Amino acid sequence: MWKQKKNKELWILALVTLFISVLGTVKSLGINLPNPLDMLSAILGPYSRAVYSLLQ
């Protein structure tokens, strides 16, 4: 990738690798991580309730 001048792909690969390394280190230390779906439901929850109330 370096010789082919694909800098964007190289940076994306480096960032994903760094993210996975940090995530693996945190999990191996036994630190509890929040579930991403809980955050998503907290953000989108009011919208779904509003749509359901409009449809009733």
PDB file of N, CA and C in Angstrom:
ATOM      1  N   MET A   1       0.828  -1.191   0.000  1.00  0.00           N
ATOM      2  CA  MET A   1       0.000   0.000   0.000  1.00  0.00           C
ATOM      3  C   MET A   1       0.876   1.260   0.000  1.00  0.00           C
ATOM      4  N   TRP A   2       2.002   1.188   0.689  1.00  0.00           N
ATOM      5  CA  TRP A   2       2.867   2.361   0.773  1.00  0.00           C
ATOM      6  C   TRP A   2       3.425   2.729  -0.599  1.00  0.00           C
ATOM      7  N   LYS A   3       3.858   1.700  -1.358  1.00  0.00           N
ATOM      8  CA  LYS A   3       4.433   1.959  -2.674  1.00  0.00           C
ATOM      9  C   LYS A   3       3.377   2.385  -3.680  1.00  0.00           C
ATOM     10  N   GLN A   4       2.144   1.969  -3.478  1.00  0.00           N
ATOM     11  CA  GLN A   4       1.064   2.305  -4.401  1.00  0.00           C
ATOM     12  C   GLN A   4       0.411   3.641  -4.054  1.00  0.00           C
ATOM     13  N   LYS A   5       0.930   4.327  -3.042  1.00  0.00           N
ATOM     14  CA  LYS A   5       0.435   5.653  -2.623  1.00  0.00           C
ATOM     15  C   LYS A   5      -1.035   5.631  -2.211  1.00  0.00           C
ATOM     16  N   LYS A   6      -1.429   4.580  -1.533  1.00  0.00           N
ATOM     17  CA  LYS A   6      -2.799   4.494  -1.025  1.00  0.00           C
ATOM     18  C   LYS A   6      -2.802   4.942   0.435  1.00  0.00           C
ATOM     19  N   ASN A   7      -2.622   6.236   0.617  1.00  0.00           N
ATOM     20  CA  ASN A   7      -2.486   6.791   1.960  1.00  0.00           C
ATOM     21  C   ASN A   7      -3.787   6.716   2.757  1.00  0.00           C
ATOM     22  N   LYS A   8      -4.908   6.942   2.115  1.00  0.00           N
ATOM     23  CA  LYS A   8      -6.191   6.914   2.816  1.00  0.00           C
ATOM     24  C   LYS A   8      -6.465   5.524   3.382  1.00  0.00           C
ATOM     25  N   GLU A   9      -6.258   4.498   2.573  1.00  0.00           N
ATOM     26  CA  GLU A   9      -6.476   3.135   3.026  1.00  0.00           C
ATOM     27  C   GLU A   9      -5.490   2.754   4.120  1.00  0.00           C
ATOM     28  N   LEU A  10      -4.272   3.247   4.008  1.00  0.00           N
ATOM     29  CA  LEU A  10      -3.249   2.961   5.014  1.00  0.00           C
ATOM     30  C   LEU A  10      -3.615   3.580   6.362  1.00  0.00           C
ATOM     31  N   TRP A  11      -4.110   4.814   6.352  1.00  0.00           N
ATOM     32  CA  TRP A  11      -4.530   5.459   7.587  1.00  0.00           C
ATOM     33  C   TRP A  11      -5.743   4.769   8.208  1.00  0.00           C
ATOM     34  N   ILE A  12      -6.679   4.354   7.388  1.00  0.00           N
ATOM     35  CA  ILE A  12      -7.852   3.641   7.902  1.00  0.00           C
ATOM     36  C   ILE A  12      -7.434   2.328   8.539  1.00  0.00           C
ATOM     37  N   LEU A  13      -6.548   1.590   7.876  1.00  0.00           N
ATOM     38  CA  LEU A  13      -6.049   0.333   8.428  1.00  0.00           C
ATOM     39  C   LEU A  13      -5.316   0.567   9.746  1.00  0.00           C
ATOM     40  N   ALA A  14      -4.514   1.617   9.824  1.00  0.00           N
ATOM     41  CA  ALA A  14      -3.782   1.911  11.054  1.00  0.00           C
ATOM     42  C   ALA A  14      -4.730   2.273  12.198  1.00  0.00           C
ATOM     43  N   LEU A  15      -5.752   3.065  11.902  1.00  0.00           N
ATOM     44  CA  LEU A  15      -6.707   3.453  12.946  1.00  0.00           C
ATOM     45  C   LEU A  15      -7.539   2.277  13.433  1.00  0.00           C
ATOM     46  N   VAL A  16      -7.955   1.417  12.517  1.00  0.00           N
ATOM     47  CA  VAL A  16      -8.732   0.236  12.910  1.00  0.00           C
ATOM     48  C   VAL A  16      -7.865  -0.711  13.742  1.00  0.00           C
ATOM     49  N   THR A  17      -6.619  -0.886  13.338  1.00  0.00           N
ATOM     50  CA  THR A  17      -5.707  -1.735  14.094  1.00  0.00           C
ATOM     51  C   THR A  17      -5.465  -1.174  15.488  1.00  0.00           C
ATOM     52  N   LEU A  18      -5.288   0.137  15.598  1.00  0.00           N
ATOM     53  CA  LEU A  18      -5.097   0.771  16.900  1.00  0.00           C
ATOM     54  C   LEU A  18      -6.338   0.608  17.774  1.00  0.00           C
ATOM     55  N   PHE A  19      -7.520   0.797  17.178  1.00  0.00           N
ATOM     56  CA  PHE A  19      -8.764   0.653  17.936  1.00  0.00           C
ATOM     57  C   PHE A  19      -8.925  -0.767  18.465  1.00  0.00           C
ATOM     58  N   ILE A  20      -8.636  -1.755  17.635  1.00  0.00           N
ATOM     59  CA  ILE A  20      -8.767  -3.148  18.053  1.00  0.00           C
ATOM     60  C   ILE A  20      -7.742  -3.478  19.134  1.00  0.00           C
ATOM     61  N   SER A  21      -6.541  -2.934  19.020  1.00  0.00           N
ATOM     62  CA  SER A  21      -5.509  -3.174  20.034  1.00  0.00           C
ATOM     63  C   SER A  21      -5.908  -2.581  21.382  1.00  0.00           C
ATOM     64  N   VAL A  22      -6.430  -1.352  21.358  1.00  0.00           N
ATOM     65  CA  VAL A  22      -6.866  -0.716  22.598  1.00  0.00           C
ATOM     66  C   VAL A  22      -8.037  -1.478  23.203  1.00  0.00           C
ATOM     67  N   LEU A  23      -8.975  -1.884  22.377  1.00  0.00           N
ATOM     68  CA  LEU A  23     -10.134  -2.635  22.860  1.00  0.00           C
ATOM     69  C   LEU A  23      -9.700  -3.964  23.471  1.00  0.00           C
ATOM     70  N   GLY A  24      -8.779  -4.671  22.836  1.00  0.00           N
ATOM     71  CA  GLY A  24      -8.278  -5.930  23.369  1.00  0.00           C
ATOM     72  C   GLY A  24      -7.532  -5.753  24.671  1.00  0.00           C
ATOM     73  N   THR A  25      -6.762  -4.682  24.784  1.00  0.00           N
ATOM     74  CA  THR A  25      -6.035  -4.407  26.021  1.00  0.00           C
ATOM     75  C   THR A  25      -6.989  -4.096  27.164  1.00  0.00           C
ATOM     76  N   VAL A  26      -7.999  -3.296  26.884  1.00  0.00           N
ATOM     77  CA  VAL A  26      -8.985  -2.951  27.914  1.00  0.00           C
ATOM     78  C   VAL A  26      -9.731  -4.197  28.375  1.00  0.00           C
ATOM     79  N   LYS A  27     -10.116  -5.047  27.440  1.00  0.00           N
ATOM     80  CA  LYS A  27     -10.833  -6.275  27.807  1.00  0.00           C
ATOM     81  C   LYS A  27      -9.935  -7.220  28.598  1.00  0.00           C
ATOM     82  N   SER A  28      -8.640  -7.301  28.250  1.00  0.00           N
ATOM     83  CA  SER A  28      -7.733  -8.196  28.968  1.00  0.00           C
ATOM     84  C   SER A  28      -7.446  -7.701  30.382  1.00  0.00           C
ATOM     85  N   LEU A  29      -7.570  -6.399  30.612  1.00  0.00           N
ATOM     86  CA  LEU A  29      -7.406  -5.854  31.957  1.00  0.00           C
ATOM     87  C   LEU A  29      -8.647  -6.044  32.816  1.00  0.00           C
ATOM     88  N   GLY A  30      -9.715  -6.519  32.213  1.00  0.00           N
ATOM     89  CA  GLY A  30     -10.940  -6.809  32.965  1.00  0.00           C
ATOM     90  C   GLY A  30     -11.828  -5.607  33.194  1.00  0.00           C
ATOM     91  N   ILE A  31     -11.635  -4.559  32.435  1.00  0.00           N
ATOM     92  CA  ILE A  31     -12.465  -3.364  32.575  1.00  0.00           C
ATOM     93  C   ILE A  31     -13.762  -3.585  31.800  1.00  0.00           C
ATOM     94  N   ASN A  32     -14.886  -3.350  32.464  1.00  0.00           N
ATOM     95  CA  ASN A  32     -16.184  -3.529  31.817  1.00  0.00           C
ATOM     96  C   ASN A  32     -16.457  -2.371  30.870  1.00  0.00           C
ATOM     97  N   LEU A  33     -16.838  -2.697  29.661  1.00  0.00           N
ATOM     98  CA  LEU A  33     -17.164  -1.687  28.657  1.00  0.00           C
ATOM     99  C   LEU A  33     -18.673  -1.629  28.472  1.00  0.00           C
ATOM    100  N   PRO A  34     -19.222  -0.440  28.230  1.00  0.00           N
ATOM    101  CA  PRO A  34     -20.666  -0.342  28.008  1.00  0.00           C
ATOM    102  C   PRO A  34     -21.051  -0.950  26.662  1.00  0.00           C
ATOM    103  N   ASN A  35     -22.260  -1.442  26.613  1.00  0.00           N
ATOM    104  CA  ASN A  35     -22.787  -2.021  25.388  1.00  0.00           C
ATOM    105  C   ASN A  35     -23.186  -0.885  24.444  1.00  0.00           C
ATOM    106  N   PRO A  36     -22.666  -0.873  23.200  1.00  0.00           N
ATOM    107  CA  PRO A  36     -23.021   0.214  22.275  1.00  0.00           C
ATOM    108  C   PRO A  36     -24.511   0.247  21.937  1.00  0.00           C
ATOM    109  N   LEU A  37     -25.190  -0.880  21.989  1.00  0.00           N
ATOM    110  CA  LEU A  37     -26.619  -0.895  21.684  1.00  0.00           C
ATOM    111  C   LEU A  37     -27.440  -0.186  22.756  1.00  0.00           C
ATOM    112  N   ASP A  38     -26.948  -0.173  23.990  1.00  0.00           N
ATOM    113  CA  ASP A  38     -27.648   0.568  25.043  1.00  0.00           C
ATOM    114  C   ASP A  38     -27.611   2.068  24.765  1.00  0.00           C
ATOM    115  N   MET A  39     -26.472   2.555  24.306  1.00  0.00           N
ATOM    116  CA  MET A  39     -26.375   3.972  23.974  1.00  0.00           C
ATOM    117  C   MET A  39     -27.261   4.313  22.784  1.00  0.00           C
ATOM    118  N   LEU A  40     -27.306   3.426  21.796  1.00  0.00           N
ATOM    119  CA  LEU A  40     -28.131   3.657  20.621  1.00  0.00           C
ATOM    120  C   LEU A  40     -29.610   3.683  20.987  1.00  0.00           C
ATOM    121  N   SER A  41     -30.025   2.782  21.848  1.00  0.00           N
ATOM    122  CA  SER A  41     -31.435   2.777  22.247  1.00  0.00           C
ATOM    123  C   SER A  41     -31.771   3.994  23.101  1.00  0.00           C
ATOM    124  N   ALA A  42     -30.823   4.490  23.877  1.00  0.00           N
ATOM    125  CA  ALA A  42     -31.073   5.704  24.671  1.00  0.00           C
ATOM    126  C   ALA A  42     -31.214   6.925  23.767  1.00  0.00           C
ATOM    127  N   ILE A  43     -30.462   6.943  22.678  1.00  0.00           N
ATOM    128  CA  ILE A  43     -30.536   8.085  21.763  1.00  0.00           C
ATOM    129  C   ILE A  43     -31.798   8.026  20.910  1.00  0.00           C
ATOM    130  N   LEU A  44     -32.115   6.847  20.385  1.00  0.00           N
ATOM    131  CA  LEU A  44     -33.240   6.719  19.462  1.00  0.00           C
ATOM    132  C   LEU A  44     -34.563   6.383  20.146  1.00  0.00           C
ATOM    133  N   GLY A  45     -34.547   6.096  21.423  1.00  0.00           N
ATOM    134  CA  GLY A  45     -35.756   5.724  22.153  1.00  0.00           C
ATOM    135  C   GLY A  45     -36.859   6.760  22.094  1.00  0.00           C
ATOM    136  N   PRO A  46     -36.573   8.028  22.372  1.00  0.00           N
ATOM    137  CA  PRO A  46     -37.643   9.042  22.338  1.00  0.00           C
ATOM    138  C   PRO A  46     -38.278   9.194  20.956  1.00  0.00           C
ATOM    139  N   TYR A  47     -37.489   9.022  19.902  1.00  0.00           N
ATOM    140  CA  TYR A  47     -38.038   9.147  18.553  1.00  0.00           C
ATOM    141  C   TYR A  47     -39.016   8.030  18.240  1.00  0.00           C
ATOM    142  N   SER A  48     -38.668   6.821  18.636  1.00  0.00           N
ATOM    143  CA  SER A  48     -39.583   5.710  18.359  1.00  0.00           C
ATOM    144  C   SER A  48     -40.869   5.850  19.164  1.00  0.00           C
ATOM    145  N   ARG A  49     -40.765   6.318  20.399  1.00  0.00           N
ATOM    146  CA  ARG A  49     -41.983   6.520  21.201  1.00  0.00           C
ATOM    147  C   ARG A  49     -42.853   7.618  20.593  1.00  0.00           C
ATOM    148  N   ALA A  50     -42.247   8.642  20.038  1.00  0.00           N
ATOM    149  CA  ALA A  50     -42.998   9.731  19.413  1.00  0.00           C
ATOM    150  C   ALA A  50     -43.729   9.234  18.160  1.00  0.00           C
ATOM    151  N   VAL A  51     -43.067   8.418  17.379  1.00  0.00           N
ATOM    152  CA  VAL A  51     -43.687   7.883  16.168  1.00  0.00           C
ATOM    153  C   VAL A  51     -44.844   6.962  16.540  1.00  0.00           C
ATOM    154  N   TYR A  52     -44.652   6.111  17.576  1.00  0.00           N
ATOM    155  CA  TYR A  52     -45.721   5.224  17.994  1.00  0.00           C
ATOM    156  C   TYR A  52     -46.920   6.012  18.511  1.00  0.00           C
ATOM    157  N   SER A  53     -46.663   7.113  19.218  1.00  0.00           N
ATOM    158  CA  SER A  53     -47.786   7.899  19.743  1.00  0.00           C
ATOM    159  C   SER A  53     -48.535   8.604  18.612  1.00  0.00           C
ATOM    160  N   LEU A  54     -47.841   8.975  17.543  1.00  0.00           N
ATOM    161  CA  LEU A  54     -48.509   9.595  16.399  1.00  0.00           C
ATOM    162  C   LEU A  54     -49.355   8.589  15.622  1.00  0.00           C
ATOM    163  N   LEU A  55     -48.949   7.349  15.609  1.00  0.00           N
ATOM    164  CA  LEU A  55     -49.663   6.333  14.835  1.00  0.00           C
ATOM    165  C   LEU A  55     -50.855   5.738  15.581  1.00  0.00           C
ATOM    166  N   GLN A  56     -50.977   6.021  16.848  1.00  0.00           N
ATOM    167  CA  GLN A  56     -52.104   5.431  17.603  1.00  0.00           C
ATOM    168  C   GLN A  56     -53.341   6.287  17.512  1.00  0.00           C
TER     169      GLN A  56
END
